[in-house]
Protein backbone atom coordinates (compact mmCIF):
# COMPACT_ATOMS: atom_id res chain seq x y z
CA MET A 1 59.05 -107.63 99.74
CA THR A 2 61.81 -107.03 102.43
CA ALA A 3 64.25 -104.38 102.68
CA THR A 4 68.08 -105.36 102.63
CA VAL A 5 69.74 -105.01 106.14
CA PRO A 6 73.32 -103.45 105.98
CA PHE A 7 72.85 -103.33 110.09
CA PRO A 8 73.15 -106.95 111.12
CA ASN A 9 71.96 -106.08 114.64
CA LEU A 10 68.72 -104.79 113.38
CA PRO A 11 65.29 -106.64 112.49
CA VAL A 12 64.53 -107.34 108.94
CA LEU A 13 61.64 -105.01 108.15
CA GLU A 14 58.98 -106.38 105.91
CA GLU A 15 56.73 -103.74 103.92
CA LEU A 16 53.55 -105.46 105.08
CA LYS A 17 53.00 -106.90 108.64
CA SER A 18 49.74 -109.07 108.91
CA GLY A 19 48.46 -107.51 105.47
CA LEU A 20 48.98 -103.87 106.91
CA PRO A 21 51.75 -101.42 106.28
CA ASN A 22 54.59 -102.02 108.77
CA ILE A 23 54.57 -98.48 110.50
CA CYS A 24 55.29 -99.24 114.17
CA GLY A 25 57.10 -101.86 116.46
CA TRP A 26 60.62 -100.84 116.07
CA GLU A 27 60.57 -97.25 117.13
CA ALA A 28 63.93 -97.59 119.11
CA GLU A 29 65.84 -98.88 116.23
CA ILE A 30 64.39 -96.61 113.71
CA THR A 31 65.36 -93.71 115.89
CA ALA A 32 68.87 -95.21 116.62
CA VAL A 33 69.48 -95.40 112.73
CA ALA A 34 68.02 -91.89 111.93
CA ASN A 35 69.44 -90.09 114.64
CA HIS A 36 73.05 -89.35 113.63
CA ASN A 37 75.32 -86.39 112.78
CA GLU A 38 77.49 -88.10 110.16
CA PRO A 39 77.53 -86.20 106.87
CA VAL A 40 75.40 -87.79 104.22
CA PHE A 41 76.39 -86.02 100.92
CA LEU A 42 79.70 -84.58 101.71
CA PRO A 43 81.89 -87.85 101.10
CA THR A 44 80.58 -88.25 97.75
CA THR A 45 79.47 -84.67 96.37
CA ASN A 46 81.13 -83.73 93.18
CA LEU A 47 80.55 -79.95 94.09
CA ARG A 48 82.88 -77.40 95.45
CA LEU A 49 81.80 -74.23 96.85
CA ASP A 50 84.53 -72.02 95.48
CA ASP A 51 83.25 -72.73 91.74
CA ILE A 52 79.66 -72.06 92.71
CA THR A 53 77.87 -68.75 92.46
CA ALA A 54 74.51 -69.82 93.27
CA GLY A 55 72.49 -73.08 93.46
CA PHE A 56 69.00 -74.39 92.98
CA ALA A 57 67.22 -77.22 94.81
CA CYS A 58 64.10 -78.65 93.70
CA ALA A 59 61.61 -81.19 95.34
CA LEU A 60 58.87 -83.22 93.88
CA HIS A 61 55.79 -83.87 96.41
CA MET A 62 53.72 -86.95 95.47
CA HIS A 63 50.63 -88.38 97.17
CA GLN A 64 47.56 -90.36 97.09
CA PRO A 65 45.14 -91.09 99.99
CA THR A 66 44.15 -94.12 101.27
CA ILE A 67 40.32 -94.49 100.97
CA PRO A 68 37.70 -97.27 102.26
CA ALA A 69 36.46 -97.74 98.60
CA GLY A 70 37.73 -101.24 97.51
CA ALA A 71 35.30 -103.70 96.04
CA ASN A 72 33.93 -104.64 99.63
CA GLY A 73 34.98 -101.46 101.42
CA GLU A 74 38.57 -102.41 101.67
CA LEU A 75 41.38 -99.77 102.32
CA ILE A 76 42.85 -98.93 98.86
CA SER A 77 44.89 -96.35 97.14
CA ASN A 78 42.95 -93.31 95.52
CA LEU A 79 45.20 -94.29 92.60
CA GLN A 80 43.86 -97.78 92.41
CA TYR A 81 40.37 -96.24 92.48
CA MET A 82 41.19 -93.92 89.79
CA PHE A 83 42.34 -96.96 87.56
CA GLU A 84 39.05 -98.74 88.48
CA HIS A 85 36.79 -96.14 87.79
CA PRO A 86 38.37 -94.26 84.54
CA GLN A 87 35.07 -92.65 83.72
CA GLU A 88 34.77 -90.50 86.84
CA GLY A 89 36.37 -86.85 86.97
CA ASP A 90 40.00 -86.92 85.81
CA ASN A 91 40.59 -90.48 86.84
CA HIS A 92 41.70 -91.01 83.02
CA ASN A 93 44.97 -89.48 84.39
CA ALA A 94 45.77 -92.62 86.48
CA GLU A 95 48.56 -93.84 84.45
CA PRO A 96 50.16 -90.56 83.86
CA PHE A 97 49.88 -90.12 87.68
CA ALA A 98 51.75 -93.40 87.62
CA TRP A 99 54.20 -92.57 85.37
CA CYS A 100 55.35 -89.47 87.26
CA TYR A 101 55.72 -91.51 90.44
CA SER A 102 58.25 -93.78 88.53
CA ARG A 103 60.06 -91.44 86.07
CA MET A 104 62.75 -90.25 88.16
CA GLY A 105 64.18 -93.74 88.43
CA GLU A 106 64.77 -93.43 84.64
CA PHE A 107 65.53 -89.55 84.30
CA ILE A 108 68.36 -89.52 86.74
CA PRO A 109 70.42 -92.50 85.35
CA GLN A 110 69.96 -91.40 81.84
CA LEU A 111 71.10 -87.72 82.61
CA VAL A 112 74.21 -89.32 84.94
CA SER A 113 75.12 -91.52 81.72
CA GLU A 114 74.94 -88.61 79.45
CA GLY A 115 77.32 -86.34 81.55
CA CYS A 116 75.15 -84.38 83.24
CA ASN A 117 75.20 -83.66 87.15
CA PRO A 118 71.36 -83.36 88.05
CA ARG A 119 69.71 -83.31 91.51
CA ILE A 120 66.26 -83.91 92.60
CA MET A 121 64.60 -84.18 96.16
CA LEU A 122 61.74 -86.72 96.69
CA ASP A 123 58.65 -86.26 98.97
CA TYR A 124 56.43 -89.27 98.75
CA SER A 125 53.61 -89.69 101.54
CA GLY A 126 53.46 -93.23 103.42
CA ASN A 127 49.99 -93.72 101.92
CA LEU A 128 51.44 -93.54 98.36
CA LEU A 129 54.28 -95.96 98.90
CA TRP A 130 51.92 -98.36 100.65
CA GLY A 131 49.34 -98.05 97.83
CA LEU A 132 52.05 -98.86 95.13
CA ARG A 133 52.96 -101.94 97.11
CA GLN A 134 49.02 -102.86 97.47
CA MET A 135 48.54 -102.41 93.63
CA GLY A 136 51.88 -104.72 92.96
CA ARG A 137 53.55 -101.88 90.94
CA ASP A 138 56.99 -103.20 91.17
CA ASP A 139 57.90 -101.34 88.24
CA ILE A 140 57.45 -98.12 90.05
CA LEU A 141 58.99 -99.16 93.52
CA ASN A 142 62.02 -101.00 91.80
CA ASN A 143 62.65 -97.66 89.72
CA LEU A 144 62.57 -95.82 92.92
CA LYS A 145 64.76 -98.24 94.51
CA ARG A 146 67.37 -97.99 91.84
CA ILE A 147 68.18 -94.30 92.34
CA THR A 148 67.73 -94.76 96.18
CA CYS A 149 69.70 -97.96 96.82
CA ASP A 150 72.32 -97.76 93.84
CA ARG A 151 75.45 -96.08 95.29
CA GLN A 152 75.89 -94.80 91.73
CA TYR A 153 72.99 -92.54 92.08
CA GLN A 154 73.01 -91.58 95.56
CA PRO A 155 74.82 -88.28 95.06
CA TYR A 156 72.08 -87.25 92.79
CA VAL A 157 68.82 -87.93 94.57
CA GLU A 158 67.79 -86.77 98.16
CA TRP A 159 64.36 -88.21 100.06
CA LEU A 160 62.66 -85.89 102.14
CA GLY A 161 60.70 -87.27 105.23
CA THR A 162 57.10 -86.21 105.60
CA MET A 163 54.00 -87.05 107.89
CA TRP A 164 52.66 -90.61 107.18
CA SER A 165 49.54 -89.92 105.63
CA HIS A 166 49.69 -86.22 104.44
CA SER A 167 48.31 -84.83 107.67
CA VAL A 168 48.58 -80.92 107.88
CA VAL A 169 50.37 -80.22 111.22
CA PRO A 170 48.38 -77.33 112.57
CA SER A 171 45.27 -79.29 112.88
CA THR A 172 47.08 -82.76 113.74
CA PRO A 173 46.48 -83.42 117.46
CA ILE A 174 49.85 -82.88 119.05
CA PRO A 175 50.38 -86.28 120.56
CA ASP A 176 50.01 -87.75 116.80
CA ILE A 177 52.77 -85.57 115.35
CA LYS A 178 55.53 -87.66 116.28
CA LEU A 179 53.39 -90.78 115.47
CA HIS A 180 53.19 -89.74 111.91
CA ILE A 181 56.96 -88.72 111.46
CA GLN A 182 58.03 -91.98 112.94
CA ALA A 183 55.48 -94.12 110.84
CA TRP A 184 56.87 -92.66 107.73
CA GLN A 185 60.42 -93.40 108.67
CA HIS A 186 59.34 -97.02 109.64
CA TYR A 187 57.57 -97.61 106.40
CA PHE A 188 60.42 -95.89 104.49
CA ALA A 189 63.04 -98.15 106.21
CA ALA A 190 60.99 -101.43 105.37
CA THR A 191 60.71 -100.41 101.64
CA PHE A 192 64.22 -98.99 100.81
CA GLY A 193 66.33 -100.20 103.90
CA TYR A 194 67.89 -98.78 106.99
CA ASP A 195 70.84 -97.43 104.80
CA ALA A 196 68.52 -95.13 103.14
CA LEU A 197 66.65 -94.11 106.07
CA LYS A 198 70.04 -93.04 107.63
CA ARG A 199 70.49 -90.39 104.76
CA VAL A 200 67.00 -88.71 105.10
CA LYS A 201 67.67 -85.32 107.10
CA GLY A 202 65.32 -83.08 105.60
CA PHE A 203 61.52 -82.78 106.05
CA SER A 204 59.02 -81.52 103.73
CA PRO A 205 55.58 -80.82 105.57
CA PRO A 206 52.22 -81.62 103.87
CA GLU A 207 50.73 -78.51 102.14
CA MET A 208 54.04 -76.65 103.23
CA HIS A 209 51.79 -76.30 106.47
CA LEU A 210 53.59 -74.79 109.33
CA PRO A 211 51.90 -74.36 112.60
CA ASN A 212 51.93 -71.09 114.19
CA HIS A 213 50.59 -71.89 117.78
CA PRO A 214 53.53 -71.60 120.18
CA ASP A 215 53.00 -75.13 121.71
CA THR A 216 52.08 -77.01 118.33
CA LEU A 217 55.18 -75.47 116.73
CA TYR A 218 57.44 -76.24 119.89
CA GLU A 219 56.35 -79.77 119.79
CA TYR A 220 56.53 -80.27 115.95
CA ILE A 221 60.06 -79.12 115.97
CA LYS A 222 60.99 -81.08 119.07
CA ALA A 223 59.59 -84.43 117.27
CA LEU A 224 61.70 -83.48 114.30
CA LYS A 225 64.75 -83.18 116.05
CA GLU A 226 63.96 -86.37 118.25
CA CYS A 227 63.48 -88.48 115.08
CA GLY A 228 66.87 -87.19 113.56
CA TYR A 229 66.03 -84.42 111.01
CA ARG A 230 68.24 -81.54 110.66
CA TRP A 231 66.24 -79.12 108.40
CA LEU A 232 62.75 -78.24 107.53
CA MET A 233 61.52 -76.76 104.31
CA VAL A 234 59.27 -73.71 105.08
CA GLN A 235 57.08 -71.42 102.93
CA GLU A 236 58.51 -67.81 102.85
CA HIS A 237 54.96 -66.50 103.76
CA ALA A 238 54.58 -68.88 106.90
CA VAL A 239 57.64 -67.08 108.59
CA GLU A 240 58.44 -63.77 109.63
CA ASN A 241 61.34 -62.10 111.58
CA LEU A 242 61.45 -61.97 115.30
CA ASN A 243 60.43 -58.28 115.11
CA GLY A 244 57.24 -59.20 113.04
CA SER A 245 58.60 -58.04 109.67
CA GLY A 246 58.61 -60.31 106.48
CA LEU A 247 61.78 -61.95 105.36
CA GLN A 248 64.25 -59.82 103.73
CA GLN A 249 64.85 -60.53 100.10
CA GLU A 250 68.54 -61.91 100.43
CA GLN A 251 67.28 -63.88 103.65
CA LYS A 252 65.18 -66.20 101.54
CA TYR A 253 68.07 -67.68 99.73
CA ILE A 254 70.42 -68.73 102.73
CA PRO A 255 69.43 -71.06 105.46
CA ASN A 256 67.23 -69.67 108.34
CA ARG A 257 67.16 -70.84 112.09
CA LEU A 258 63.62 -71.38 112.85
CA VAL A 259 63.03 -70.87 116.62
CA ALA A 260 59.88 -71.82 118.44
CA ARG A 261 58.84 -70.52 122.08
CA ASN A 262 56.17 -72.50 123.85
CA SER A 263 53.65 -71.37 126.44
CA HIS A 264 56.26 -72.28 129.22
CA GLY A 265 59.05 -70.18 127.81
CA GLU A 266 61.03 -73.10 126.41
CA THR A 267 62.74 -72.62 123.17
CA ILE A 268 64.03 -74.86 120.36
CA SER A 269 65.38 -74.31 116.93
CA ILE A 270 65.83 -76.01 113.66
CA THR A 271 67.56 -75.05 110.25
CA ALA A 272 64.97 -74.17 107.84
CA LEU A 273 65.41 -73.55 104.06
CA ILE A 274 62.93 -71.23 102.55
CA LYS A 275 60.64 -72.13 99.77
CA THR A 276 60.25 -69.30 97.60
CA GLN A 277 57.16 -68.05 95.80
CA GLY A 278 53.64 -69.87 95.71
CA SER A 279 52.92 -73.44 94.81
CA ASP A 280 52.28 -73.01 91.14
CA THR A 281 53.59 -76.28 89.58
CA LYS A 282 55.04 -73.98 86.53
CA LEU A 283 57.95 -73.27 88.65
CA VAL A 284 59.18 -76.55 88.98
CA ALA A 285 57.90 -77.77 85.60
CA GLN A 286 59.57 -75.21 83.63
CA MET A 287 62.70 -75.26 85.81
CA GLN A 288 61.94 -71.50 86.96
CA PRO A 289 64.30 -72.17 90.13
CA TYR A 290 67.14 -72.37 87.61
CA PHE A 291 66.30 -69.01 86.06
CA GLU A 292 65.83 -67.43 89.32
CA ALA A 293 68.99 -68.68 90.79
CA LYS A 294 70.93 -67.10 87.51
CA GLY A 295 69.79 -63.69 89.08
CA ARG A 296 71.36 -64.56 92.36
CA GLY A 297 75.00 -64.41 93.70
CA LYS A 298 77.24 -65.28 96.67
CA GLN A 299 76.42 -64.11 100.38
CA GLN A 300 77.92 -63.78 103.54
CA ILE A 301 77.10 -65.83 106.74
CA GLY A 302 79.20 -64.69 109.56
CA ASN A 303 82.58 -64.51 108.04
CA VAL A 304 82.14 -67.15 105.31
CA THR A 305 80.86 -66.33 101.56
CA VAL A 306 78.57 -68.86 100.30
CA PRO A 307 76.40 -69.34 97.27
CA SER A 308 72.59 -68.37 97.60
CA LEU A 309 70.22 -71.09 97.22
CA VAL A 310 66.69 -70.91 95.51
CA THR A 311 64.64 -73.55 97.07
CA GLN A 312 61.41 -74.75 95.42
CA ILE A 313 58.72 -77.69 95.64
CA ALA A 314 55.81 -78.65 93.61
CA ASP A 315 53.34 -81.69 93.22
CA GLY A 316 55.27 -84.02 90.85
CA GLU A 317 52.18 -85.48 89.13
CA ASN A 318 49.58 -83.07 89.40
CA GLY A 319 48.45 -80.81 86.36
CA GLY A 320 49.24 -80.95 82.75
CA VAL A 321 52.43 -79.02 83.14
CA MET A 322 54.21 -81.63 85.49
CA MET A 323 52.57 -84.59 83.21
CA ASN A 324 53.70 -83.03 79.94
CA GLU A 325 56.07 -80.00 79.98
CA TYR A 326 58.32 -81.06 82.84
CA PRO A 327 60.12 -83.81 81.16
CA ARG A 328 60.94 -81.53 77.96
CA ASP A 329 62.17 -78.86 80.29
CA PHE A 330 64.04 -80.98 83.01
CA PHE A 331 66.20 -82.48 80.04
CA ARG A 332 66.42 -79.18 78.12
CA ILE A 333 68.05 -77.51 81.31
CA TYR A 334 70.33 -79.97 82.20
CA TYR A 335 71.85 -80.19 78.87
CA GLU A 336 72.20 -76.43 78.86
CA ILE A 337 73.89 -76.60 82.36
CA ARG A 338 76.18 -79.35 81.16
CA GLU A 339 77.52 -77.38 78.29
CA GLN A 340 78.03 -74.36 80.62
CA GLY A 341 80.72 -75.84 83.01
CA GLY A 342 79.36 -79.88 83.56
CA GLY A 343 76.88 -78.79 86.16
CA LYS A 344 79.78 -77.90 88.68
CA THR A 345 80.53 -74.45 88.11
CA GLY A 346 78.38 -71.21 88.11
CA VAL A 347 74.70 -71.98 88.66
CA VAL A 348 74.43 -75.45 89.49
CA PRO A 349 71.65 -77.85 90.92
CA MET A 350 72.06 -78.93 94.60
CA ASN A 351 70.08 -80.88 97.16
CA GLY A 352 69.31 -79.28 100.45
CA THR A 353 71.42 -81.47 102.72
CA GLU A 354 74.19 -81.48 100.41
CA TYR A 355 74.14 -77.74 100.51
CA LEU A 356 73.91 -77.31 104.12
CA GLU A 357 76.90 -79.91 104.79
CA LEU A 358 78.93 -78.03 102.07
CA ILE A 359 78.46 -74.50 103.62
CA GLU A 360 79.02 -75.76 107.30
CA ALA A 361 82.15 -77.72 106.25
CA ALA A 362 83.48 -74.25 104.90
CA GLY A 363 83.08 -72.90 108.36
CA VAL A 364 79.51 -71.72 108.55
CA ASN A 365 78.06 -71.98 111.95
CA PRO A 366 74.29 -72.63 112.02
CA GLU A 367 73.92 -70.10 114.94
CA ASP A 368 75.02 -67.25 112.35
CA TYR A 369 71.88 -68.03 110.04
CA PRO A 370 69.22 -65.48 110.25
CA THR A 371 66.47 -66.07 112.87
CA CYS A 372 63.00 -66.32 112.12
CA GLN A 373 59.74 -67.70 113.82
CA ALA A 374 56.04 -68.64 112.74
CA ILE A 375 53.80 -66.01 111.32
CA ASN A 376 51.80 -63.97 113.79
CA GLN A 377 54.04 -65.03 116.76
CA HIS A 378 55.40 -61.70 117.23
CA LYS A 379 51.99 -60.23 118.23
CA ILE A 380 51.72 -63.00 120.93
CA TRP A 381 55.11 -62.06 122.32
CA GLN A 382 54.16 -58.21 122.25
CA GLN A 383 51.47 -59.29 124.60
CA VAL A 384 53.15 -61.84 126.80
CA GLU A 385 56.78 -61.52 128.30
CA PRO A 386 58.43 -64.77 126.80
CA ASP A 387 60.42 -65.18 129.75
CA LYS A 388 57.01 -65.11 132.04
CA ALA A 389 55.15 -67.04 129.85
CA THR A 390 52.61 -69.25 131.10
CA PRO A 391 49.63 -71.50 128.92
CA GLU A 392 47.00 -69.19 130.75
CA ALA A 393 48.59 -66.00 129.46
CA VAL A 394 49.49 -67.05 125.97
CA GLU A 395 45.94 -68.40 125.52
CA LYS A 396 44.48 -65.04 126.92
CA ALA A 397 46.69 -63.07 124.13
CA ILE A 398 45.58 -65.27 121.55
CA ALA A 399 41.95 -64.87 122.41
CA LYS A 400 42.16 -60.99 122.79
CA LEU A 401 44.00 -60.82 119.47
CA ASN A 402 41.40 -62.98 117.77
CA GLU A 403 38.89 -60.60 118.86
CA THR A 404 40.81 -57.45 117.95
CA ASP A 405 42.88 -58.27 115.06
CA HIS A 406 41.17 -59.66 111.92
CA GLN A 407 44.38 -60.41 110.50
CA PHE A 408 45.57 -62.55 113.27
CA HIS A 409 44.86 -66.44 113.27
CA MET A 410 46.40 -69.74 114.78
CA ASP A 411 45.57 -71.84 111.87
CA GLY A 412 49.18 -71.86 110.67
CA ALA A 413 50.16 -71.12 107.06
CA SER A 414 50.67 -72.90 103.87
CA TRP A 415 50.92 -72.67 100.33
CA THR A 416 47.27 -72.77 100.08
CA ASN A 417 46.49 -69.71 102.30
CA HIS A 418 43.01 -69.14 100.57
CA LEU A 419 41.84 -72.08 102.04
CA SER A 420 41.29 -72.84 105.77
CA TRP A 421 42.01 -76.42 106.99
CA VAL A 422 39.99 -75.82 109.96
CA LYS A 423 37.01 -73.63 109.12
CA ASP A 424 33.54 -75.49 108.12
CA TYR A 425 35.41 -78.84 108.89
CA GLU A 426 34.11 -79.50 112.17
CA ASN A 427 32.46 -82.67 111.04
CA VAL A 428 35.87 -84.14 110.13
CA LEU A 429 37.91 -82.43 112.81
CA GLY A 430 35.53 -83.34 115.61
CA PRO A 431 35.59 -87.25 114.95
CA MET A 432 39.39 -87.04 114.15
CA ASN A 433 40.27 -85.33 117.60
CA GLN A 434 37.83 -88.03 119.40
CA LEU A 435 39.63 -91.15 117.55
CA SER A 436 43.01 -89.56 118.65
CA ALA A 437 42.08 -88.99 122.04
CA ALA A 438 40.42 -92.64 122.41
CA PHE A 439 43.64 -94.15 120.87
CA HIS A 440 45.90 -92.14 123.60
CA LEU A 441 43.73 -93.29 126.27
CA LYS A 442 43.80 -96.80 125.63
CA TYR A 443 47.47 -97.19 124.36
CA ASP A 444 49.65 -94.86 126.06
CA PRO A 445 49.47 -96.64 129.59
CA LEU A 446 49.98 -99.86 127.82
CA VAL A 447 53.10 -98.59 125.75
CA GLN A 448 54.61 -96.75 128.73
CA GLN A 449 54.44 -100.06 130.89
CA ASN A 450 55.72 -102.39 127.72
CA PRO A 451 57.10 -100.48 124.55
CA SER A 452 56.93 -103.82 122.76
CA VAL A 453 52.82 -103.44 122.65
CA THR A 454 53.60 -101.39 119.47
CA GLN A 455 54.34 -104.60 117.86
CA GLN A 456 51.22 -106.00 118.24
CA PHE A 457 48.59 -106.29 115.42
CA ASP A 458 45.76 -104.46 117.57
CA TYR A 459 47.98 -101.36 117.97
CA GLN A 460 49.09 -101.59 114.37
CA GLN A 461 45.64 -101.31 113.27
CA ALA A 462 44.44 -98.82 115.54
CA LEU A 463 47.23 -96.55 114.88
CA LEU A 464 46.82 -96.99 111.04
CA TYR A 465 43.25 -95.89 111.13
CA ASN A 466 44.31 -92.89 113.63
CA LEU A 467 46.59 -91.69 111.04
CA LEU A 468 44.68 -92.28 107.96
CA LEU A 469 41.63 -89.97 109.49
CA GLN A 470 44.02 -87.21 109.61
CA THR A 471 44.95 -87.11 105.72
CA SER A 472 44.29 -83.90 104.42
CA CYS A 473 42.56 -84.87 101.55
CA PHE A 474 39.23 -85.50 103.44
CA ARG A 475 38.97 -81.62 104.17
CA TYR A 476 40.81 -80.26 101.00
CA TRP A 477 38.84 -81.91 98.43
CA GLY A 478 35.40 -80.57 99.86
CA GLN A 479 32.13 -81.91 101.64
CA GLY A 480 30.50 -85.10 100.37
CA THR A 481 32.27 -88.01 99.16
CA TRP A 482 35.56 -87.28 100.91
CA THR A 483 33.99 -86.35 104.12
CA ASP A 484 31.97 -89.58 104.08
CA TYR A 485 35.34 -91.51 103.67
CA ALA A 486 36.60 -89.83 107.03
CA ARG A 487 33.35 -90.81 108.70
CA GLU A 488 33.95 -94.60 107.65
CA LEU A 489 37.56 -94.27 108.59
CA TYR A 490 36.13 -93.12 112.16
CA ARG A 491 33.79 -95.57 112.59
CA ARG A 492 36.02 -98.43 112.00
CA GLY A 493 38.76 -96.93 114.11
CA GLU A 494 36.23 -96.26 117.11
CA ALA A 495 35.15 -99.91 116.80
CA LEU A 496 38.66 -101.12 117.11
CA LEU A 497 39.41 -99.25 120.10
CA LYS A 498 36.10 -100.62 121.84
CA GLU A 499 37.24 -104.07 121.10
C-alpha cells in the first residue's frame, strides 16, 4: 500500500521499504510538510467560542510492541503473538483489542450521520501501525483511513504524534529523541499521506512521561518544535509553577507555556495542554471529562475570555471498561449533548489543536499563558543562578539534591509514578545506551557528509533495532521474557552495526 500524494513534488512513500517499516530517508521532505503555521481546524470547525462555556478533549492511546517472537524469531507485533498463543495470559483479548484499534472508524461516521458533533484525538505508536500492516489487517487500517483521509470526517478527528516505538523520553538517549519523532512522522505519512501528516500538530508522549533533567527537556522541546509540533500533552503532576508550587486549580483548564532551561542557560518553550487526574481508563471510558467540564466555566487569558478545557487521555483498548463500557457511554453522552444544543453550545467536545486555534483567533496571545516547568526544576534553579548556568554547576546541584532531598529525582514524571523506568532495569538500559552510542558513532559522520545515507537499507535496519530496543514495554512488563526480548534485539542490532 502507498500513500496518496496531493504534494506533486514529493516522493510517493510506501509503508514498507525492503520489507521493513518506512521510517527514514526523506527527513527534509517530511519536515517541510510538518513545519508550517497554517490553521488546521479553523477553516472547517463548526464551533463558535461565544457559544461555549467549557470544552472537553479526550485522547485514546494505542500501542502494541514489536517483539522477536515470530515462528523463526522474526519481528512481529505482540498483537500477532496474542492471536497465535490465545491460551497464554490474557491473550484471548486479541480480537477485542483489534476491534478497539478499528472502531473509531465506525463510531465517528455513525455519530455524524445521526446529527452529533463528536470529537476524538488518536495516539497510535509506530509499532502498532506497522504491526497492523504486517498482519494484513486492512480492515482496521481502512477504517482509520476513512476518518483520517475523508474530508467529511476531518473536523472531528485529530491525530497526535508520538515516539515511534513507545519510548519513554527521560530514559531515551538524547540523540534518539528526534529520531523517534521523525520516524513516527515518516511512517504516518507513508500510511495516511502527506496531507494527514500536515494536520498533526499535537504530541502525546508515551506514558505521559515528561523529562525533568534540564538538558533532556530542552532537547525534547527543541526536537518537537523542529518537527513542526505546536503543543504537548502534559500530566498535571509532572509540572510545577516557576516558584516550585503546584498548578492552581483553574490553571489546569487553560493552555500553559512549558518552559525549559538547559545547563547552558538557554531557554525554549512550547504550549502545553494539561491532562488532569490519574491514568484510570474509567475517566475516559465513562466520559468523566464531559461531567468535569460541566462544572467549569469561562476564564480570562490576557484580556480575552475563553472556555475552560478539560483534557484527558487513556489507553484505548486496555481493560474491561475500555473494551466494554466505553462504546455504551460514548454514544449515550453524545446523544445527550446532541439534545442540549447539537454539540455546539454550552459544554462541547473539542480537539486540542481546534481549541488552541479558536482561542488564538479570538486574540489570545500564547505569551499570556501561565508558565510552568518540569517538576523539581525549581530546586535546581535555587542552587544555580539560571543566567550563569554551566553543565558542571547543574550536575553538582543535582548530585547535592540527590544526597540531601529524598523527594528529589531526575527520572522524569508520568502517569505511573509508582513505577521507575530506570531503577532495577540496568540490564536493559545498559545495552540500550550502548546500542545507541554505537549507532551514532557509525552513522552520524556518514549522514553529516551525505544526508541520503538515511535512504540506505543498512541505515534503515540499524535505526529500526535502535528504536525498538527503547520500547518501554521491555521494562514496564517486568524481568524475564520481556528483558530477554530486549537482549535479543540488542544482539541483532549490535551485529548489524559491526557489519
